[in-house]
N, C-alpha and C. Protein backbone atom coordinates (compact mmCIF):
# COMPACT_ATOMS: atom_id res chain seq x y z
N MET A 1 -92.23 -22.48 -71.37
CA MET A 1 -93.33 -22.22 -72.03
C MET A 1 -93.49 -21.13 -72.96
N SER A 2 -94.28 -21.27 -74.32
CA SER A 2 -93.60 -20.18 -75.44
C SER A 2 -94.11 -18.78 -74.75
N GLU A 3 -94.23 -17.47 -75.25
CA GLU A 3 -94.62 -16.61 -75.25
C GLU A 3 -96.12 -16.60 -75.18
N SER A 4 -96.45 -17.20 -76.70
CA SER A 4 -97.93 -17.13 -77.24
C SER A 4 -98.90 -17.91 -76.30
N ALA A 5 -98.33 -18.99 -75.79
CA ALA A 5 -98.76 -20.05 -75.23
C ALA A 5 -99.31 -19.38 -73.53
N TRP A 6 -98.05 -18.53 -73.17
CA TRP A 6 -98.38 -18.02 -71.76
C TRP A 6 -99.40 -16.58 -71.82
N GLU A 7 -99.50 -16.11 -73.32
CA GLU A 7 -100.15 -15.00 -73.58
C GLU A 7 -101.65 -15.35 -73.52
N GLU A 8 -102.13 -17.11 -73.95
CA GLU A 8 -103.11 -17.53 -74.18
C GLU A 8 -103.85 -18.10 -73.16
N MET A 9 -102.83 -18.56 -72.01
CA MET A 9 -103.32 -18.71 -70.77
C MET A 9 -103.61 -17.60 -69.92
N THR A 10 -102.99 -16.40 -70.10
CA THR A 10 -103.24 -15.01 -69.48
C THR A 10 -104.61 -14.68 -69.60
N CYS A 11 -105.14 -14.72 -70.96
CA CYS A 11 -106.36 -14.11 -71.56
C CYS A 11 -107.47 -15.22 -71.12
N LEU A 12 -107.09 -16.40 -71.41
CA LEU A 12 -108.23 -17.11 -70.52
C LEU A 12 -108.61 -17.53 -69.17
N PHE A 13 -107.55 -17.27 -68.24
CA PHE A 13 -107.48 -17.28 -67.07
C PHE A 13 -107.66 -15.96 -66.00
N ALA A 14 -106.68 -14.89 -66.51
CA ALA A 14 -106.68 -13.58 -66.11
C ALA A 14 -108.03 -13.24 -65.60
N PRO A 15 -108.95 -12.70 -66.63
CA PRO A 15 -110.12 -12.00 -66.14
C PRO A 15 -110.96 -12.70 -64.67
N SER A 16 -110.97 -13.61 -64.57
CA SER A 16 -111.71 -14.04 -63.52
C SER A 16 -111.04 -14.18 -62.33
N LEU A 17 -109.48 -14.02 -62.63
CA LEU A 17 -108.66 -13.97 -61.26
C LEU A 17 -108.57 -12.69 -61.06
N MET A 18 -108.34 -11.79 -61.60
CA MET A 18 -107.68 -10.21 -61.30
C MET A 18 -108.82 -9.93 -60.43
N GLY A 19 -108.15 -9.03 -59.29
CA GLY A 19 -108.46 -8.48 -58.18
C GLY A 19 -109.17 -9.45 -57.20
N SER A 20 -109.03 -10.72 -57.47
CA SER A 20 -109.22 -11.52 -56.29
C SER A 20 -108.14 -11.97 -55.48
N ASN A 21 -108.26 -12.83 -54.32
CA ASN A 21 -107.02 -13.49 -53.38
C ASN A 21 -106.34 -14.39 -54.19
N HIS A 22 -107.07 -14.85 -55.23
CA HIS A 22 -106.34 -16.17 -55.77
C HIS A 22 -105.29 -15.94 -57.15
N VAL A 23 -104.79 -14.87 -57.22
CA VAL A 23 -103.58 -13.99 -57.62
C VAL A 23 -102.47 -14.75 -57.68
N SER A 24 -102.20 -14.85 -56.50
CA SER A 24 -100.86 -15.27 -55.88
C SER A 24 -100.89 -16.92 -55.78
N LEU A 25 -102.11 -17.64 -55.67
CA LEU A 25 -102.24 -18.98 -55.50
C LEU A 25 -101.91 -19.17 -57.10
N TRP A 26 -102.52 -18.52 -58.22
CA TRP A 26 -102.59 -19.13 -59.42
C TRP A 26 -101.06 -18.77 -60.21
N LEU A 27 -100.29 -17.69 -59.39
CA LEU A 27 -98.57 -17.81 -59.78
C LEU A 27 -98.04 -18.95 -59.12
N LEU A 28 -98.49 -18.95 -58.01
CA LEU A 28 -97.82 -20.11 -57.35
C LEU A 28 -98.11 -21.24 -58.32
N LEU A 29 -99.14 -21.79 -58.56
CA LEU A 29 -99.25 -23.00 -59.32
C LEU A 29 -98.64 -22.97 -60.67
N ILE A 30 -98.59 -21.82 -61.33
CA ILE A 30 -98.13 -21.27 -62.79
C ILE A 30 -96.08 -21.89 -62.34
N VAL A 31 -95.75 -21.13 -61.33
CA VAL A 31 -94.46 -21.64 -61.23
C VAL A 31 -94.04 -22.80 -60.74
N SER A 32 -94.82 -23.63 -59.89
CA SER A 32 -94.49 -24.61 -59.78
C SER A 32 -94.73 -25.80 -60.69
N LEU A 33 -95.48 -25.65 -61.88
CA LEU A 33 -95.92 -26.54 -62.93
C LEU A 33 -94.68 -26.50 -63.80
N PHE A 34 -94.00 -25.06 -63.66
CA PHE A 34 -92.60 -24.90 -64.43
C PHE A 34 -91.44 -25.93 -64.21
N PHE A 35 -91.68 -25.62 -63.08
CA PHE A 35 -90.40 -26.04 -62.61
C PHE A 35 -90.39 -27.57 -62.58
N SER A 36 -91.59 -27.94 -62.13
CA SER A 36 -91.58 -29.47 -62.25
C SER A 36 -91.69 -30.16 -63.57
N ALA A 37 -92.05 -29.40 -64.51
CA ALA A 37 -92.13 -29.88 -66.31
C ALA A 37 -90.10 -30.06 -66.51
N ASN A 38 -89.73 -28.74 -65.86
CA ASN A 38 -88.16 -28.56 -66.01
C ASN A 38 -87.18 -29.97 -65.37
N CYS A 39 -87.95 -30.28 -64.27
CA CYS A 39 -87.22 -30.96 -63.79
C CYS A 39 -87.45 -32.65 -64.05
N ARG A 40 -88.45 -32.62 -64.82
CA ARG A 40 -88.77 -34.19 -65.33
C ARG A 40 -88.34 -34.55 -66.52
N ALA A 41 -87.98 -33.04 -67.53
CA ALA A 41 -87.26 -33.25 -68.63
C ALA A 41 -86.11 -34.46 -69.17
N ALA A 42 -85.15 -34.00 -67.98
CA ALA A 42 -84.23 -35.40 -67.84
C ALA A 42 -84.74 -36.49 -67.89
N ASP A 43 -85.68 -36.88 -66.98
CA ASP A 43 -86.14 -38.07 -66.85
C ASP A 43 -86.65 -38.55 -68.18
N ASP A 44 -87.74 -37.69 -68.65
CA ASP A 44 -88.38 -37.98 -69.80
C ASP A 44 -87.38 -38.24 -71.08
N SER A 45 -86.19 -37.77 -71.10
CA SER A 45 -85.20 -38.25 -72.10
C SER A 45 -84.59 -39.43 -71.96
N CYS A 46 -84.38 -39.84 -70.95
CA CYS A 46 -83.64 -41.02 -70.11
C CYS A 46 -84.74 -42.29 -70.16
N GLY A 47 -86.12 -41.97 -70.19
CA GLY A 47 -86.92 -43.06 -70.14
C GLY A 47 -87.03 -43.58 -68.62
N GLN A 48 -87.80 -44.50 -68.17
CA GLN A 48 -88.27 -44.82 -66.62
C GLN A 48 -86.48 -45.17 -66.31
N PRO A 49 -86.70 -45.40 -65.09
CA PRO A 49 -85.36 -46.00 -64.35
C PRO A 49 -85.46 -47.42 -64.19
N PRO A 50 -84.60 -48.13 -64.58
CA PRO A 50 -84.92 -49.71 -64.18
C PRO A 50 -84.80 -50.16 -62.62
N MET A 51 -85.44 -50.83 -62.25
CA MET A 51 -85.71 -51.34 -61.13
C MET A 51 -84.35 -51.70 -60.70
N VAL A 52 -84.20 -51.53 -59.49
CA VAL A 52 -82.66 -51.96 -58.70
C VAL A 52 -83.05 -52.48 -57.33
N ASN A 53 -83.36 -53.33 -56.83
CA ASN A 53 -83.99 -53.46 -55.40
C ASN A 53 -83.03 -53.71 -54.47
N ASP A 54 -81.80 -53.70 -54.86
CA ASP A 54 -80.48 -53.59 -53.81
C ASP A 54 -79.89 -52.28 -53.59
N GLU A 55 -80.17 -51.94 -52.31
CA GLU A 55 -79.79 -50.58 -52.10
C GLU A 55 -78.43 -50.42 -52.24
N ASN A 56 -77.35 -51.32 -52.02
CA ASN A 56 -76.05 -51.28 -52.07
C ASN A 56 -75.34 -51.31 -53.44
N ILE A 57 -76.21 -51.94 -54.33
CA ILE A 57 -75.83 -51.96 -55.49
C ILE A 57 -76.09 -50.33 -56.18
N LYS A 58 -77.45 -49.89 -55.88
CA LYS A 58 -78.00 -48.50 -56.41
C LYS A 58 -77.04 -47.60 -55.82
N GLY A 59 -76.60 -47.45 -54.57
CA GLY A 59 -75.73 -46.83 -53.95
C GLY A 59 -74.62 -46.80 -54.83
N THR A 60 -74.37 -47.46 -55.14
CA THR A 60 -72.84 -47.72 -55.78
C THR A 60 -72.95 -47.03 -57.36
N VAL A 61 -73.55 -47.37 -57.96
CA VAL A 61 -74.10 -47.33 -59.28
C VAL A 61 -74.34 -45.69 -59.32
N GLU A 62 -75.01 -45.26 -58.72
CA GLU A 62 -75.13 -43.90 -58.14
C GLU A 62 -74.23 -43.21 -58.06
N GLY A 63 -73.17 -43.45 -57.29
CA GLY A 63 -72.06 -43.03 -57.01
C GLY A 63 -70.99 -42.96 -58.46
N LYS A 64 -70.72 -43.91 -59.07
CA LYS A 64 -70.19 -44.41 -60.25
C LYS A 64 -70.47 -43.18 -61.27
N ALA A 65 -72.11 -43.18 -61.31
CA ALA A 65 -72.46 -42.09 -62.37
C ALA A 65 -72.28 -40.63 -62.15
N LYS A 66 -71.83 -40.16 -60.96
CA LYS A 66 -71.85 -39.17 -60.34
C LYS A 66 -70.47 -39.00 -60.96
N LEU A 67 -69.36 -39.73 -60.65
CA LEU A 67 -68.28 -39.90 -61.11
C LEU A 67 -68.15 -39.91 -62.50
N LEU A 68 -68.53 -40.14 -63.59
CA LEU A 68 -68.59 -40.35 -64.73
C LEU A 68 -69.22 -39.05 -65.37
N ALA A 69 -69.83 -38.51 -64.38
CA ALA A 69 -70.80 -37.09 -64.86
C ALA A 69 -69.65 -36.06 -65.18
N THR A 70 -68.37 -36.22 -64.29
CA THR A 70 -67.72 -35.42 -64.64
C THR A 70 -66.56 -35.52 -65.83
N TRP A 71 -66.58 -36.87 -65.99
CA TRP A 71 -65.74 -36.95 -67.54
C TRP A 71 -67.10 -36.76 -68.96
N ILE A 72 -68.11 -36.24 -68.69
CA ILE A 72 -68.83 -35.82 -69.88
C ILE A 72 -68.19 -34.95 -70.62
N GLY A 73 -68.03 -34.94 -71.99
CA GLY A 73 -67.52 -34.00 -72.74
C GLY A 73 -66.02 -34.35 -73.21
N ASP A 74 -65.49 -35.01 -72.38
CA ASP A 74 -63.90 -35.39 -72.40
C ASP A 74 -64.01 -37.15 -73.30
N ALA A 75 -62.92 -36.78 -74.20
CA ALA A 75 -62.62 -37.71 -75.25
C ALA A 75 -62.53 -39.33 -74.14
N ALA A 76 -61.89 -39.24 -73.02
CA ALA A 76 -62.00 -40.20 -72.52
C ALA A 76 -62.99 -41.12 -71.29
N LEU A 77 -64.23 -40.52 -71.69
CA LEU A 77 -65.42 -41.18 -71.12
C LEU A 77 -65.73 -42.51 -71.41
N SER A 78 -65.33 -42.64 -72.83
CA SER A 78 -65.74 -44.01 -72.88
C SER A 78 -65.02 -45.33 -71.83
N GLY A 79 -63.43 -44.79 -72.08
CA GLY A 79 -62.63 -45.52 -71.44
C GLY A 79 -63.09 -45.71 -70.07
N GLN A 80 -63.95 -44.64 -69.37
CA GLN A 80 -63.85 -44.68 -67.74
C GLN A 80 -65.41 -45.01 -67.26
N ILE A 81 -66.21 -44.84 -68.79
CA ILE A 81 -67.54 -46.13 -68.61
C ILE A 81 -67.33 -47.56 -68.51
N GLN A 82 -65.95 -47.85 -69.23
CA GLN A 82 -66.01 -49.39 -68.84
C GLN A 82 -65.42 -49.69 -68.01
N ALA A 83 -63.98 -48.65 -67.35
CA ALA A 83 -63.48 -49.04 -66.17
C ALA A 83 -64.82 -49.01 -64.93
N GLU A 84 -65.37 -48.21 -64.66
CA GLU A 84 -66.76 -48.14 -63.58
C GLU A 84 -67.41 -49.74 -64.12
N ARG A 85 -67.66 -49.68 -65.11
CA ARG A 85 -68.77 -50.71 -65.27
C ARG A 85 -67.66 -52.46 -65.14
N LYS A 86 -66.61 -52.48 -65.49
CA LYS A 86 -66.23 -53.88 -64.70
C LYS A 86 -66.08 -53.52 -63.37
N ASP A 87 -66.00 -52.28 -62.48
CA ASP A 87 -65.74 -52.54 -61.00
C ASP A 87 -67.24 -52.81 -60.77
N ILE A 88 -68.30 -52.56 -61.19
CA ILE A 88 -69.61 -52.43 -60.57
C ILE A 88 -69.83 -54.07 -60.93
N PHE A 89 -69.25 -54.77 -62.18
CA PHE A 89 -69.23 -55.98 -62.34
C PHE A 89 -68.89 -57.09 -61.23
N SER A 90 -67.62 -56.52 -60.91
CA SER A 90 -66.88 -57.41 -60.22
C SER A 90 -67.48 -57.37 -58.70
N LYS A 91 -68.48 -56.57 -58.42
CA LYS A 91 -69.13 -56.33 -56.72
C LYS A 91 -70.66 -57.06 -57.13
N THR A 92 -70.98 -57.20 -58.28
CA THR A 92 -72.43 -57.56 -58.30
C THR A 92 -72.45 -58.97 -58.95
N PRO A 93 -73.78 -59.60 -57.83
CA PRO A 93 -73.89 -60.84 -58.51
C PRO A 93 -74.59 -60.96 -60.28
N ASP A 94 -74.01 -61.84 -60.70
CA ASP A 94 -74.59 -62.51 -61.59
C ASP A 94 -76.03 -62.04 -62.06
N GLY A 95 -76.69 -62.40 -61.10
CA GLY A 95 -78.17 -62.16 -61.44
C GLY A 95 -78.58 -60.69 -61.74
N LEU A 96 -77.78 -59.72 -61.12
CA LEU A 96 -78.12 -58.21 -61.26
C LEU A 96 -77.42 -57.67 -62.29
N LYS A 97 -76.25 -58.10 -62.67
CA LYS A 97 -75.17 -57.33 -63.66
C LYS A 97 -75.99 -56.53 -64.81
N ASN A 98 -77.27 -57.10 -65.20
CA ASN A 98 -77.58 -56.35 -66.34
C ASN A 98 -78.39 -55.29 -65.82
N ARG A 99 -79.36 -55.51 -64.49
CA ARG A 99 -79.68 -54.38 -64.38
C ARG A 99 -79.05 -53.10 -63.97
N ALA A 100 -77.74 -53.66 -63.17
CA ALA A 100 -76.99 -52.79 -62.47
C ALA A 100 -76.43 -51.85 -64.08
N ASP A 101 -76.18 -52.51 -64.88
CA ASP A 101 -75.77 -51.90 -65.73
C ASP A 101 -76.41 -50.91 -66.57
N ALA A 102 -77.80 -51.11 -66.87
CA ALA A 102 -78.97 -50.46 -67.39
C ALA A 102 -79.37 -49.16 -66.40
N TYR A 103 -79.22 -49.44 -64.95
CA TYR A 103 -79.28 -48.52 -64.09
C TYR A 103 -78.53 -47.52 -63.92
N LEU A 104 -76.84 -47.93 -64.36
CA LEU A 104 -75.78 -47.27 -64.75
C LEU A 104 -76.00 -46.25 -65.90
N GLN A 105 -76.51 -46.63 -67.12
CA GLN A 105 -76.74 -46.36 -68.33
C GLN A 105 -77.79 -45.28 -67.79
N TYR A 106 -78.67 -45.21 -67.41
CA TYR A 106 -79.90 -44.32 -66.80
C TYR A 106 -79.36 -43.23 -66.21
N GLN A 107 -78.70 -43.64 -64.87
CA GLN A 107 -78.02 -42.24 -63.92
C GLN A 107 -76.98 -41.29 -65.16
N VAL A 108 -76.37 -41.72 -66.17
CA VAL A 108 -75.41 -41.18 -66.81
C VAL A 108 -76.07 -40.26 -67.89
N CYS A 109 -77.15 -41.02 -68.15
CA CYS A 109 -78.05 -40.19 -68.90
C CYS A 109 -78.79 -38.98 -68.53
N ILE A 110 -79.03 -39.20 -67.38
CA ILE A 110 -79.92 -37.86 -66.18
C ILE A 110 -78.63 -36.88 -65.96
N PHE A 111 -77.26 -37.43 -65.51
CA PHE A 111 -76.38 -36.10 -65.68
C PHE A 111 -76.25 -35.71 -66.44
N LEU A 112 -75.94 -36.37 -67.99
CA LEU A 112 -76.15 -35.69 -69.37
C LEU A 112 -77.20 -34.89 -69.59
N MET A 113 -78.17 -34.90 -69.41
CA MET A 113 -79.20 -34.01 -69.79
C MET A 113 -79.30 -32.91 -68.79
N ASP A 114 -78.59 -33.14 -67.54
CA ASP A 114 -78.80 -31.91 -66.29
C ASP A 114 -77.44 -31.04 -66.74
N ASP A 115 -76.83 -31.10 -67.55
CA ASP A 115 -75.53 -30.57 -67.71
C ASP A 115 -75.70 -29.31 -68.45
N LYS A 116 -75.83 -28.39 -67.50
CA LYS A 116 -76.05 -26.84 -67.85
C LYS A 116 -74.89 -26.28 -69.42
N LYS A 117 -73.82 -26.82 -69.54
CA LYS A 117 -72.64 -26.47 -69.89
C LYS A 117 -73.29 -26.75 -71.80
N LEU A 118 -73.32 -27.84 -72.04
CA LEU A 118 -73.51 -28.39 -73.05
C LEU A 118 -74.61 -27.91 -73.97
N SER A 119 -74.68 -27.82 -75.34
CA SER A 119 -75.75 -27.34 -76.01
C SER A 119 -76.37 -28.63 -75.93
N THR A 120 -77.75 -28.26 -76.87
CA THR A 120 -79.09 -30.04 -77.24
C THR A 120 -78.05 -30.75 -78.14
N THR A 121 -77.29 -30.25 -79.23
CA THR A 121 -76.77 -30.74 -80.15
C THR A 121 -75.57 -31.67 -79.52
N GLU A 122 -74.44 -31.18 -78.58
CA GLU A 122 -73.54 -31.83 -77.63
C GLU A 122 -74.31 -32.71 -76.77
N LYS A 123 -75.40 -32.63 -76.26
CA LYS A 123 -75.58 -33.36 -75.41
C LYS A 123 -76.28 -34.90 -76.11
N ILE A 124 -76.74 -34.57 -77.65
CA ILE A 124 -77.19 -35.55 -78.15
C ILE A 124 -76.01 -36.10 -78.70
N ASP A 125 -74.83 -35.87 -78.92
CA ASP A 125 -73.58 -36.31 -79.39
C ASP A 125 -73.33 -37.21 -78.66
N GLN A 126 -73.28 -36.60 -77.07
CA GLN A 126 -72.35 -37.27 -75.92
C GLN A 126 -73.52 -38.75 -75.72
N LEU A 127 -74.79 -38.56 -75.58
CA LEU A 127 -75.72 -39.26 -75.67
C LEU A 127 -75.36 -40.56 -76.20
N ILE A 128 -75.26 -40.45 -77.92
CA ILE A 128 -74.74 -41.73 -78.69
C ILE A 128 -73.43 -42.02 -77.98
N ARG A 129 -72.36 -41.37 -78.04
CA ARG A 129 -71.14 -42.03 -77.51
C ARG A 129 -71.34 -43.12 -76.08
N VAL A 130 -72.36 -42.43 -75.05
CA VAL A 130 -72.32 -43.16 -74.34
C VAL A 130 -73.09 -44.13 -74.25
N ARG A 131 -74.17 -44.08 -74.87
CA ARG A 131 -74.98 -45.58 -75.44
C ARG A 131 -74.05 -46.54 -76.31
N GLN A 132 -73.22 -45.78 -76.81
CA GLN A 132 -72.21 -47.03 -77.84
C GLN A 132 -71.35 -47.66 -76.77
N SER A 133 -70.89 -46.83 -75.74
CA SER A 133 -69.98 -47.54 -74.60
C SER A 133 -70.58 -48.56 -74.12
N PHE A 134 -71.91 -48.31 -73.89
CA PHE A 134 -72.50 -49.59 -73.15
C PHE A 134 -72.45 -50.63 -73.76
N GLN A 135 -72.43 -50.45 -75.10
CA GLN A 135 -72.95 -51.82 -75.82
C GLN A 135 -71.72 -52.83 -76.15
N VAL A 136 -70.41 -52.19 -75.67
CA VAL A 136 -69.12 -52.79 -75.75
C VAL A 136 -69.31 -53.72 -74.54
N PRO A 137 -68.99 -55.28 -74.85
CA PRO A 137 -69.09 -56.12 -73.73
C PRO A 137 -67.90 -55.55 -72.47
N VAL A 138 -68.15 -55.81 -71.59
CA VAL A 138 -66.94 -55.57 -70.35
C VAL A 138 -66.00 -56.63 -70.44
N GLU A 139 -64.84 -56.39 -70.50
CA GLU A 139 -63.69 -57.40 -71.01
C GLU A 139 -63.80 -57.98 -69.22
N GLY A 140 -63.45 -59.37 -69.28
CA GLY A 140 -63.30 -60.24 -68.51
C GLY A 140 -64.15 -60.53 -67.58
N THR A 141 -65.62 -60.20 -67.96
CA THR A 141 -66.94 -60.13 -67.02
C THR A 141 -67.95 -60.88 -68.20
N LYS A 142 -68.82 -61.78 -67.63
CA LYS A 142 -70.30 -61.73 -68.47
C LYS A 142 -71.14 -60.66 -67.71
N PRO A 143 -71.76 -59.70 -68.79
CA PRO A 143 -73.39 -59.37 -67.79
C PRO A 143 -74.14 -60.16 -67.50
């Protein structure tokens, strides 16, 4: 929240709350809104998660995404994405491959947006590389 927005909110609400028992409640509300907005920032950047009803596939994909997160910023990331996609495709029924692939892309996006070491520009560059990697067909499989 910008400093001017904070001052505006303080001017609007502080006079009615000062001196009352509601001050701590007000502060708790502000802090919780701040943290919930930050937690949803990555979700908003990555869109809504694709529906995956198979918990085995979902768990596998989440594990692969966590592994891929360690490669963020590395030149070999695209190759790792292809390797993990190929592994997922080999274990996923034909009708669910596209959903598993979309869910993997979503999960990698979440890890990328949550990365604290990268600047916004670096995150955008990495996101472009990740999305380009997902556009390449996985060798030897049909999505």
